[in-house]
Amino acid sequence: EKYWRYMVQIKAWIFYLDLYREDSYKWEKRINVFSAIASST
């Protein structure tokens, strides 16, 4: 049971980090797009 809980915890952490990565990527992209549009137009 202890092993199982640890395995689940690690998988949950991977999913959590993936959501963090996705959110950070979206914000990074928004900032880049805004800067590009603002400077070129």
All heavy atoms as atom14 arrays in JSON, in Angstrom:
{
  "sequence": "EKYWRYMVQIKAWIFYLDLYREDSYKWEKRINVFSAIASST",
  "atom14_mask": [
    [1, 1, 1, 1, 1, 1, 1, 1, 1, 0, 0, 0, 0, 0],
    [1, 1, 1, 1, 1, 1, 1, 1, 1, 0, 0, 0, 0, 0],
    [1, 1, 1, 1, 1, 1, 1, 1, 1, 1, 1, 1, 0, 0],
    [1, 1, 1, 1, 1, 1, 1, 1, 1, 1, 1, 1, 1, 1],
    [1, 1, 1, 1, 1, 1, 1, 1, 1, 1, 1, 0, 0, 0],
    [1, 1, 1, 1, 1, 1, 1, 1, 1, 1, 1, 1, 0, 0],
    [1, 1, 1, 1, 1, 1, 1, 1, 0, 0, 0, 0, 0, 0],
    [1, 1, 1, 1, 1, 1, 1, 0, 0, 0, 0, 0, 0, 0],
    [1, 1, 1, 1, 1, 1, 1, 1, 1, 0, 0, 0, 0, 0],
    [1, 1, 1, 1, 1, 1, 1, 1, 0, 0, 0, 0, 0, 0],
    [1, 1, 1, 1, 1, 1, 1, 1, 1, 0, 0, 0, 0, 0],
    [1, 1, 1, 1, 1, 0, 0, 0, 0, 0, 0, 0, 0, 0],
    [1, 1, 1, 1, 1, 1, 1, 1, 1, 1, 1, 1, 1, 1],
    [1, 1, 1, 1, 1, 1, 1, 1, 0, 0, 0, 0, 0, 0],
    [1, 1, 1, 1, 1, 1, 1, 1, 1, 1, 1, 0, 0, 0],
    [1, 1, 1, 1, 1, 1, 1, 1, 1, 1, 1, 1, 0, 0],
    [1, 1, 1, 1, 1, 1, 1, 1, 0, 0, 0, 0, 0, 0],
    [1, 1, 1, 1, 1, 1, 1, 1, 0, 0, 0, 0, 0, 0],
    [1, 1, 1, 1, 1, 1, 1, 1, 0, 0, 0, 0, 0, 0],
    [1, 1, 1, 1, 1, 1, 1, 1, 1, 1, 1, 1, 0, 0],
    [1, 1, 1, 1, 1, 1, 1, 1, 1, 1, 1, 0, 0, 0],
    [1, 1, 1, 1, 1, 1, 1, 1, 1, 0, 0, 0, 0, 0],
    [1, 1, 1, 1, 1, 1, 1, 1, 0, 0, 0, 0, 0, 0],
    [1, 1, 1, 1, 1, 1, 0, 0, 0, 0, 0, 0, 0, 0],
    [1, 1, 1, 1, 1, 1, 1, 1, 1, 1, 1, 1, 0, 0],
    [1, 1, 1, 1, 1, 1, 1, 1, 1, 0, 0, 0, 0, 0],
    [1, 1, 1, 1, 1, 1, 1, 1, 1, 1, 1, 1, 1, 1],
    [1, 1, 1, 1, 1, 1, 1, 1, 1, 0, 0, 0, 0, 0],
    [1, 1, 1, 1, 1, 1, 1, 1, 1, 0, 0, 0, 0, 0],
    [1, 1, 1, 1, 1, 1, 1, 1, 1, 1, 1, 0, 0, 0],
    [1, 1, 1, 1, 1, 1, 1, 1, 0, 0, 0, 0, 0, 0],
    [1, 1, 1, 1, 1, 1, 1, 1, 0, 0, 0, 0, 0, 0],
    [1, 1, 1, 1, 1, 1, 1, 0, 0, 0, 0, 0, 0, 0],
    [1, 1, 1, 1, 1, 1, 1, 1, 1, 1, 1, 0, 0, 0],
    [1, 1, 1, 1, 1, 1, 0, 0, 0, 0, 0, 0, 0, 0],
    [1, 1, 1, 1, 1, 0, 0, 0, 0, 0, 0, 0, 0, 0],
    [1, 1, 1, 1, 1, 1, 1, 1, 0, 0, 0, 0, 0, 0],
    [1, 1, 1, 1, 1, 0, 0, 0, 0, 0, 0, 0, 0, 0],
    [1, 1, 1, 1, 1, 1, 0, 0, 0, 0, 0, 0, 0, 0],
    [1, 1, 1, 1, 1, 1, 0, 0, 0, 0, 0, 0, 0, 0],
    [1, 1, 1, 1, 1, 1, 1, 0, 0, 0, 0, 0, 0, 0]
  ],
  "atom14_positions": [
    [[0.83, -1.21, 0.0], [0.0, 0.0, 0.0], [0.87, 1.26, 0.0], [0.58, 2.22, -0.71], [-0.94, -0.01, 1.22], [-1.84, 1.19, 1.33], [-2.87, 1.29, 0.21], [-3.24, 0.26, -0.35], [-3.28, 2.43, -0.1], [0.0, 0.0, 0.0], [0.0, 0.0, 0.0], [0.0, 0.0, 0.0], [0.0, 0.0, 0.0], [0.0, 0.0, 0.0]],
    [[1.92, 1.24, 0.76], [2.84, 2.37, 0.82], [3.5, 2.59, -0.55], [3.63, 3.72, -1.02], [3.91, 2.11, 1.89], [4.8, 3.28, 2.18], [5.73, 2.94, 3.34], [6.61, 4.09, 3.69], [7.52, 3.79, 4.8], [0.0, 0.0, 0.0], [0.0, 0.0, 0.0], [0.0, 0.0, 0.0], [0.0, 0.0, 0.0], [0.0, 0.0, 0.0]],
    [[3.91, 1.51, -1.18], [4.52, 1.58, -2.5], [3.52, 2.15, -3.5], [3.84, 3.04, -4.3], [4.99, 0.18, -2.94], [5.81, 0.19, -4.21], [7.2, 0.19, -4.14], [5.22, 0.21, -5.46], [7.96, 0.2, -5.3], [5.97, 0.22, -6.62], [7.34, 0.22, -6.54], [8.1, 0.24, -7.68], [0.0, 0.0, 0.0], [0.0, 0.0, 0.0]],
    [[2.29, 1.63, -3.47], [1.24, 2.08, -4.37], [0.98, 3.58, -4.21], [0.9, 4.31, -5.2], [-0.05, 1.28, -4.12], [-1.22, 1.79, -4.91], [-2.22, 2.61, -4.47], [-1.5, 1.52, -6.29], [-3.1, 2.85, -5.49], [-2.69, 2.2, -6.62], [-0.87, 0.77, -7.27], [-3.26, 2.17, -7.88], [-1.43, 0.73, -8.53], [-2.6, 1.42, -8.83]],
    [[0.85, 4.04, -2.99], [0.6, 5.46, -2.73], [1.74, 6.33, -3.27], [1.5, 7.41, -3.82], [0.38, 5.71, -1.24], [-1.0, 5.3, -0.76], [-1.34, 5.85, 0.62], [-0.29, 5.68, 1.6], [-0.21, 4.67, 2.45], [-1.14, 3.74, 2.46], [0.79, 4.58, 3.31], [0.0, 0.0, 0.0], [0.0, 0.0, 0.0], [0.0, 0.0, 0.0]],
    [[2.97, 5.85, -3.13], [4.11, 6.61, -3.63], [4.07, 6.67, -5.16], [4.32, 7.72, -5.76], [5.43, 6.01, -3.14], [6.61, 6.89, -3.47], [6.8, 8.1, -2.8], [7.51, 6.54, -4.47], [7.87, 8.92, -3.11], [8.58, 7.36, -4.79], [8.75, 8.55, -4.09], [9.8, 9.37, -4.41], [0.0, 0.0, 0.0], [0.0, 0.0, 0.0]],
    [[3.74, 5.56, -5.78], [3.65, 5.51, -7.24], [2.57, 6.49, -7.73], [2.79, 7.25, -8.68], [3.33, 4.08, -7.71], [3.32, 3.92, -9.2], [3.22, 2.19, -9.75], [1.51, 1.83, -9.39], [0.0, 0.0, 0.0], [0.0, 0.0, 0.0], [0.0, 0.0, 0.0], [0.0, 0.0, 0.0], [0.0, 0.0, 0.0], [0.0, 0.0, 0.0]],
    [[1.43, 6.51, -7.08], [0.34, 7.43, -7.44], [0.78, 8.87, -7.23], [0.51, 9.75, -8.07], [-0.94, 7.11, -6.63], [-1.99, 8.19, -6.81], [-1.49, 5.74, -7.0], [0.0, 0.0, 0.0], [0.0, 0.0, 0.0], [0.0, 0.0, 0.0], [0.0, 0.0, 0.0], [0.0, 0.0, 0.0], [0.0, 0.0, 0.0], [0.0, 0.0, 0.0]],
    [[1.48, 9.13, -6.15], [1.95, 10.48, -5.84], [2.9, 10.99, -6.93], [2.79, 12.15, -7.36], [2.65, 10.48, -4.49], [3.19, 11.82, -4.08], [3.97, 11.73, -2.76], [4.06, 10.68, -2.13], [4.52, 12.84, -2.34], [0.0, 0.0, 0.0], [0.0, 0.0, 0.0], [0.0, 0.0, 0.0], [0.0, 0.0, 0.0], [0.0, 0.0, 0.0]],
    [[3.81, 10.17, -7.38], [4.75, 10.58, -8.42], [4.02, 10.87, -9.73], [4.28, 11.86, -10.41], [5.87, 9.53, -8.63], [6.74, 9.4, -7.37], [6.72, 9.86, -9.85], [7.53, 10.65, -7.01], [0.0, 0.0, 0.0], [0.0, 0.0, 0.0], [0.0, 0.0, 0.0], [0.0, 0.0, 0.0], [0.0, 0.0, 0.0], [0.0, 0.0, 0.0]],
    [[3.06, 10.02, -10.09], [2.29, 10.24, -11.32], [1.48, 11.52, -11.22], [1.42, 12.3, -12.18], [1.37, 9.04, -11.6], [0.75, 9.07, -12.97], [1.82, 8.97, -14.05], [1.24, 8.83, -15.42], [2.29, 8.77, -16.45], [0.0, 0.0, 0.0], [0.0, 0.0, 0.0], [0.0, 0.0, 0.0], [0.0, 0.0, 0.0], [0.0, 0.0, 0.0]],
    [[0.88, 11.78, -10.08], [0.12, 13.01, -9.87], [1.03, 14.23, -10.0], [0.65, 15.26, -10.59], [-0.56, 13.0, -8.5], [0.0, 0.0, 0.0], [0.0, 0.0, 0.0], [0.0, 0.0, 0.0], [0.0, 0.0, 0.0], [0.0, 0.0, 0.0], [0.0, 0.0, 0.0], [0.0, 0.0, 0.0], [0.0, 0.0, 0.0], [0.0, 0.0, 0.0]],
    [[2.23, 14.13, -9.49], [3.19, 15.23, -9.56], [3.56, 15.49, -11.02], [3.71, 16.64, -11.44], [4.4, 14.87, -8.72], [5.46, 15.9, -8.49], [6.8, 15.65, -8.48], [5.35, 17.29, -8.18], [7.5, 16.79, -8.22], [6.63, 17.82, -8.03], [4.26, 18.14, -8.04], [6.87, 19.17, -7.75], [4.51, 19.5, -7.76], [5.79, 19.98, -7.61]],
    [[3.7, 14.45, -11.82], [4.01, 14.6, -13.24], [2.86, 15.34, -13.94], [3.09, 16.28, -14.72], [4.29, 13.25, -13.91], [5.62, 12.68, -13.4], [4.3, 13.37, -15.43], [5.88, 11.23, -13.77], [0.0, 0.0, 0.0], [0.0, 0.0, 0.0], [0.0, 0.0, 0.0], [0.0, 0.0, 0.0], [0.0, 0.0, 0.0], [0.0, 0.0, 0.0]],
    [[1.63, 14.95, -13.67], [0.47, 15.63, -14.26], [0.42, 17.09, -13.81], [0.13, 17.99, -14.6], [-0.85, 14.93, -13.9], [-1.08, 13.66, -14.67], [-1.47, 12.51, -14.01], [-0.95, 13.61, -16.05], [-1.71, 11.33, -14.7], [-1.18, 12.44, -16.76], [-1.57, 11.29, -16.08], [0.0, 0.0, 0.0], [0.0, 0.0, 0.0], [0.0, 0.0, 0.0]],
    [[0.7, 17.33, -12.54], [0.69, 18.69, -11.98], [1.75, 19.54, -12.68], [1.48, 20.67, -13.09], [0.95, 18.6, -10.47], [0.96, 19.92, -9.75], [-0.23, 20.52, -9.35], [2.15, 20.56, -9.42], [-0.23, 21.72, -8.66], [2.17, 21.75, -8.74], [0.96, 22.34, -8.36], [0.98, 23.54, -7.68], [0.0, 0.0, 0.0], [0.0, 0.0, 0.0]],
    [[2.94, 19.01, -12.83], [4.02, 19.75, -13.49], [3.68, 20.02, -14.96], [4.03, 21.07, -15.5], [5.34, 19.0, -13.39], [5.98, 18.97, -12.01], [7.18, 18.03, -12.01], [6.39, 20.36, -11.57], [0.0, 0.0, 0.0], [0.0, 0.0, 0.0], [0.0, 0.0, 0.0], [0.0, 0.0, 0.0], [0.0, 0.0, 0.0], [0.0, 0.0, 0.0]],
    [[3.0, 19.08, -15.58], [2.61, 19.27, -16.97], [1.63, 20.43, -17.1], [1.71, 21.23, -18.04], [2.02, 17.98, -17.55], [1.86, 18.05, -19.04], [2.81, 18.49, -19.73], [0.79, 17.68, -19.54], [0.0, 0.0, 0.0], [0.0, 0.0, 0.0], [0.0, 0.0, 0.0], [0.0, 0.0, 0.0], [0.0, 0.0, 0.0], [0.0, 0.0, 0.0]],
    [[0.71, 20.55, -16.16], [-0.22, 21.68, -16.16], [0.52, 23.0, -15.92], [0.23, 24.01, -16.54], [-1.31, 21.47, -15.11], [-2.29, 20.35, -15.41], [-3.1, 19.98, -14.17], [-3.2, 20.73, -16.57], [0.0, 0.0, 0.0], [0.0, 0.0, 0.0], [0.0, 0.0, 0.0], [0.0, 0.0, 0.0], [0.0, 0.0, 0.0], [0.0, 0.0, 0.0]],
    [[1.49, 22.98, -15.02], [2.33, 24.16, -14.75], [3.09, 24.55, -16.02], [3.18, 25.72, -16.39], [3.32, 23.86, -13.63], [3.26, 24.83, -12.48], [2.91, 24.4, -11.21], [3.57, 26.16, -12.65], [2.88, 25.27, -10.14], [3.54, 27.05, -11.58], [3.19, 26.6, -10.34], [3.14, 27.47, -9.28], [0.0, 0.0, 0.0], [0.0, 0.0, 0.0]],
    [[3.65, 23.55, -16.69], [4.41, 23.78, -17.92], [3.51, 24.4, -18.99], [3.86, 25.38, -19.64], [5.0, 22.47, -18.44], [5.82, 22.63, -19.73], [5.94, 21.34, -20.5], [4.68, 20.65, -20.73], [3.8, 20.96, -21.69], [4.03, 21.96, -22.5], [2.67, 20.27, -21.83], [0.0, 0.0, 0.0], [0.0, 0.0, 0.0], [0.0, 0.0, 0.0]],
    [[2.34, 23.82, -19.15], [1.4, 24.3, -20.15], [0.98, 25.75, -19.88], [0.95, 26.58, -20.78], [0.16, 23.39, -20.14], [-0.82, 23.64, -21.26], [-1.96, 22.64, -21.19], [-1.72, 21.44, -21.37], [-3.1, 23.09, -20.94], [0.0, 0.0, 0.0], [0.0, 0.0, 0.0], [0.0, 0.0, 0.0], [0.0, 0.0, 0.0], [0.0, 0.0, 0.0]],
    [[0.7, 26.06, -18.63], [0.3, 27.42, -18.25], [1.45, 28.4, -18.48], [1.24, 29.49, -19.01], [-0.14, 27.44, -16.78], [-0.65, 28.8, -16.36], [-1.74, 29.19, -16.85], [0.03, 29.48, -15.56], [0.0, 0.0, 0.0], [0.0, 0.0, 0.0], [0.0, 0.0, 0.0], [0.0, 0.0, 0.0], [0.0, 0.0, 0.0], [0.0, 0.0, 0.0]],
    [[2.65, 28.01, -18.1], [3.82, 28.88, -18.28], [4.07, 29.12, -19.77], [4.38, 30.24, -20.18], [5.06, 28.26, -17.65], [4.89, 28.16, -16.25], [0.0, 0.0, 0.0], [0.0, 0.0, 0.0], [0.0, 0.0, 0.0], [0.0, 0.0, 0.0], [0.0, 0.0, 0.0], [0.0, 0.0, 0.0], [0.0, 0.0, 0.0], [0.0, 0.0, 0.0]],
    [[3.91, 28.08, -20.57], [4.09, 28.21, -22.02], [3.06, 29.19, -22.6], [3.4, 30.04, -23.43], [3.97, 26.84, -22.7], [4.07, 26.92, -24.19], [5.3, 27.11, -24.82], [2.93, 26.83, -24.98], [5.39, 27.21, -26.21], [3.01, 26.92, -26.36], [4.23, 27.12, -26.97], [4.31, 27.21, -28.33], [0.0, 0.0, 0.0], [0.0, 0.0, 0.0]],
    [[1.8, 29.09, -22.17], [0.77, 29.99, -22.66], [1.09, 31.44, -22.33], [0.95, 32.33, -23.17], [-0.6, 29.61, -22.08], [-1.21, 28.38, -22.68], [-2.53, 28.06, -22.01], [-3.12, 26.76, -22.51], [-4.34, 26.4, -21.77], [0.0, 0.0, 0.0], [0.0, 0.0, 0.0], [0.0, 0.0, 0.0], [0.0, 0.0, 0.0], [0.0, 0.0, 0.0]],
    [[1.52, 31.69, -21.08], [1.87, 33.06, -20.7], [3.08, 33.57, -21.46], [3.12, 34.72, -21.89], [2.09, 33.16, -19.19], [0.79, 33.32, -18.47], [0.12, 32.38, -17.75], [-0.02, 34.49, -18.45], [-1.06, 32.89, -17.28], [-1.17, 34.19, -17.69], [0.1, 35.76, -18.99], [-2.19, 35.12, -17.47], [-0.91, 36.69, -18.77], [-2.04, 36.36, -18.02]],
    [[4.06, 32.71, -21.63], [5.26, 33.08, -22.39], [4.86, 33.44, -23.82], [5.32, 34.45, -24.37], [6.24, 31.9, -22.38], [7.49, 32.11, -23.18], [8.54, 32.92, -22.47], [8.33, 33.28, -21.3], [9.57, 33.19, -23.09], [0.0, 0.0, 0.0], [0.0, 0.0, 0.0], [0.0, 0.0, 0.0], [0.0, 0.0, 0.0], [0.0, 0.0, 0.0]],
    [[4.01, 32.65, -24.42], [3.57, 32.89, -25.79], [2.75, 34.18, -25.88], [2.93, 34.97, -26.82], [2.75, 31.7, -26.29], [2.47, 31.73, -27.76], [1.84, 30.43, -28.21], [1.64, 30.44, -29.7], [1.13, 29.17, -30.19], [0.0, 0.0, 0.0], [0.0, 0.0, 0.0], [0.0, 0.0, 0.0], [0.0, 0.0, 0.0], [0.0, 0.0, 0.0]],
    [[1.86, 34.41, -24.93], [1.05, 35.64, -24.92], [1.94, 36.88, -24.88], [1.7, 37.86, -25.59], [0.1, 35.65, -23.73], [-1.04, 34.7, -23.84], [-1.84, 34.66, -22.56], [-2.82, 33.59, -22.61], [-3.21, 32.89, -21.57], [-2.71, 33.14, -20.36], [-4.1, 31.94, -21.7], [0.0, 0.0, 0.0], [0.0, 0.0, 0.0], [0.0, 0.0, 0.0]],
    [[2.93, 36.84, -24.0], [3.84, 37.98, -23.87], [4.6, 38.2, -25.17], [4.73, 39.34, -25.65], [4.79, 37.78, -22.67], [4.0, 37.87, -21.36], [5.93, 38.8, -22.69], [4.77, 37.41, -20.14], [0.0, 0.0, 0.0], [0.0, 0.0, 0.0], [0.0, 0.0, 0.0], [0.0, 0.0, 0.0], [0.0, 0.0, 0.0], [0.0, 0.0, 0.0]],
    [[5.1, 37.12, -25.77], [5.84, 37.23, -27.02], [4.97, 37.76, -28.15], [5.41, 38.61, -28.94], [6.45, 35.89, -27.42], [7.58, 35.49, -26.52], [8.18, 36.31, -25.85], [7.9, 34.21, -26.5], [0.0, 0.0, 0.0], [0.0, 0.0, 0.0], [0.0, 0.0, 0.0], [0.0, 0.0, 0.0], [0.0, 0.0, 0.0], [0.0, 0.0, 0.0]],
    [[3.75, 37.25, -28.26], [2.85, 37.7, -29.32], [2.48, 39.16, -29.12], [2.5, 39.95, -30.08], [1.58, 36.8, -29.38], [0.5, 37.42, -30.25], [1.94, 35.41, -29.89], [0.0, 0.0, 0.0], [0.0, 0.0, 0.0], [0.0, 0.0, 0.0], [0.0, 0.0, 0.0], [0.0, 0.0, 0.0], [0.0, 0.0, 0.0], [0.0, 0.0, 0.0]],
    [[2.16, 39.55, -27.9], [1.83, 40.95, -27.62], [2.99, 41.86, -27.99], [2.8, 42.88, -28.65], [1.45, 41.15, -26.15], [1.21, 42.59, -25.79], [0.01, 43.19, -26.11], [2.2, 43.34, -25.17], [-0.21, 44.52, -25.8], [1.99, 44.67, -24.86], [0.78, 45.27, -25.17], [0.0, 0.0, 0.0], [0.0, 0.0, 0.0], [0.0, 0.0, 0.0]],
    [[4.19, 41.49, -27.59], [5.37, 42.31, -27.89], [5.61, 42.41, -29.39], [5.92, 43.48, -29.9], [6.62, 41.73, -27.21], [6.48, 41.78, -25.82], [0.0, 0.0, 0.0], [0.0, 0.0, 0.0], [0.0, 0.0, 0.0], [0.0, 0.0, 0.0], [0.0, 0.0, 0.0], [0.0, 0.0, 0.0], [0.0, 0.0, 0.0], [0.0, 0.0, 0.0]],
    [[5.46, 41.3, -30.08], [5.67, 41.31, -31.54], [4.64, 42.17, -32.24], [4.99, 42.97, -33.12], [5.63, 39.88, -32.07], [0.0, 0.0, 0.0], [0.0, 0.0, 0.0], [0.0, 0.0, 0.0], [0.0, 0.0, 0.0], [0.0, 0.0, 0.0], [0.0, 0.0, 0.0], [0.0, 0.0, 0.0], [0.0, 0.0, 0.0], [0.0, 0.0, 0.0]],
    [[3.38, 42.02, -31.87], [2.32, 42.8, -32.5], [2.5, 44.28, -32.17], [2.4, 45.15, -33.06], [0.92, 42.3, -32.08], [0.65, 40.94, -32.7], [-0.16, 43.29, -32.48], [-0.6, 40.26, -32.18], [0.0, 0.0, 0.0], [0.0, 0.0, 0.0], [0.0, 0.0, 0.0], [0.0, 0.0, 0.0], [0.0, 0.0, 0.0], [0.0, 0.0, 0.0]],
    [[2.76, 44.57, -30.91], [2.91, 45.97, -30.5], [4.08, 46.64, -31.21], [3.95, 47.77, -31.68], [3.11, 46.06, -28.99], [0.0, 0.0, 0.0], [0.0, 0.0, 0.0], [0.0, 0.0, 0.0], [0.0, 0.0, 0.0], [0.0, 0.0, 0.0], [0.0, 0.0, 0.0], [0.0, 0.0, 0.0], [0.0, 0.0, 0.0], [0.0, 0.0, 0.0]],
    [[5.19, 45.95, -31.32], [6.36, 46.58, -31.94], [6.21, 46.69, -33.46], [6.68, 47.66, -34.05], [7.63, 45.84, -31.57], [7.6, 44.54, -32.1], [0.0, 0.0, 0.0], [0.0, 0.0, 0.0], [0.0, 0.0, 0.0], [0.0, 0.0, 0.0], [0.0, 0.0, 0.0], [0.0, 0.0, 0.0], [0.0, 0.0, 0.0], [0.0, 0.0, 0.0]],
    [[5.54, 45.74, -34.09], [5.45, 45.79, -35.56], [4.29, 46.65, -36.06], [4.34, 47.17, -37.16], [5.35, 44.39, -36.12], [4.17, 43.78, -35.69], [0.0, 0.0, 0.0], [0.0, 0.0, 0.0], [0.0, 0.0, 0.0], [0.0, 0.0, 0.0], [0.0, 0.0, 0.0], [0.0, 0.0, 0.0], [0.0, 0.0, 0.0], [0.0, 0.0, 0.0]],
    [[3.24, 46.81, -35.27], [2.09, 47.58, -35.75], [1.98, 48.97, -35.15], [1.26, 49.8, -35.69], [0.77, 46.83, -35.44], [0.64, 46.69, -34.03], [0.71, 45.51, -36.15], [0.0, 0.0, 0.0], [0.0, 0.0, 0.0], [0.0, 0.0, 0.0], [0.0, 0.0, 0.0], [0.0, 0.0, 0.0], [0.0, 0.0, 0.0], [0.0, 0.0, 0.0]]
  ]
}
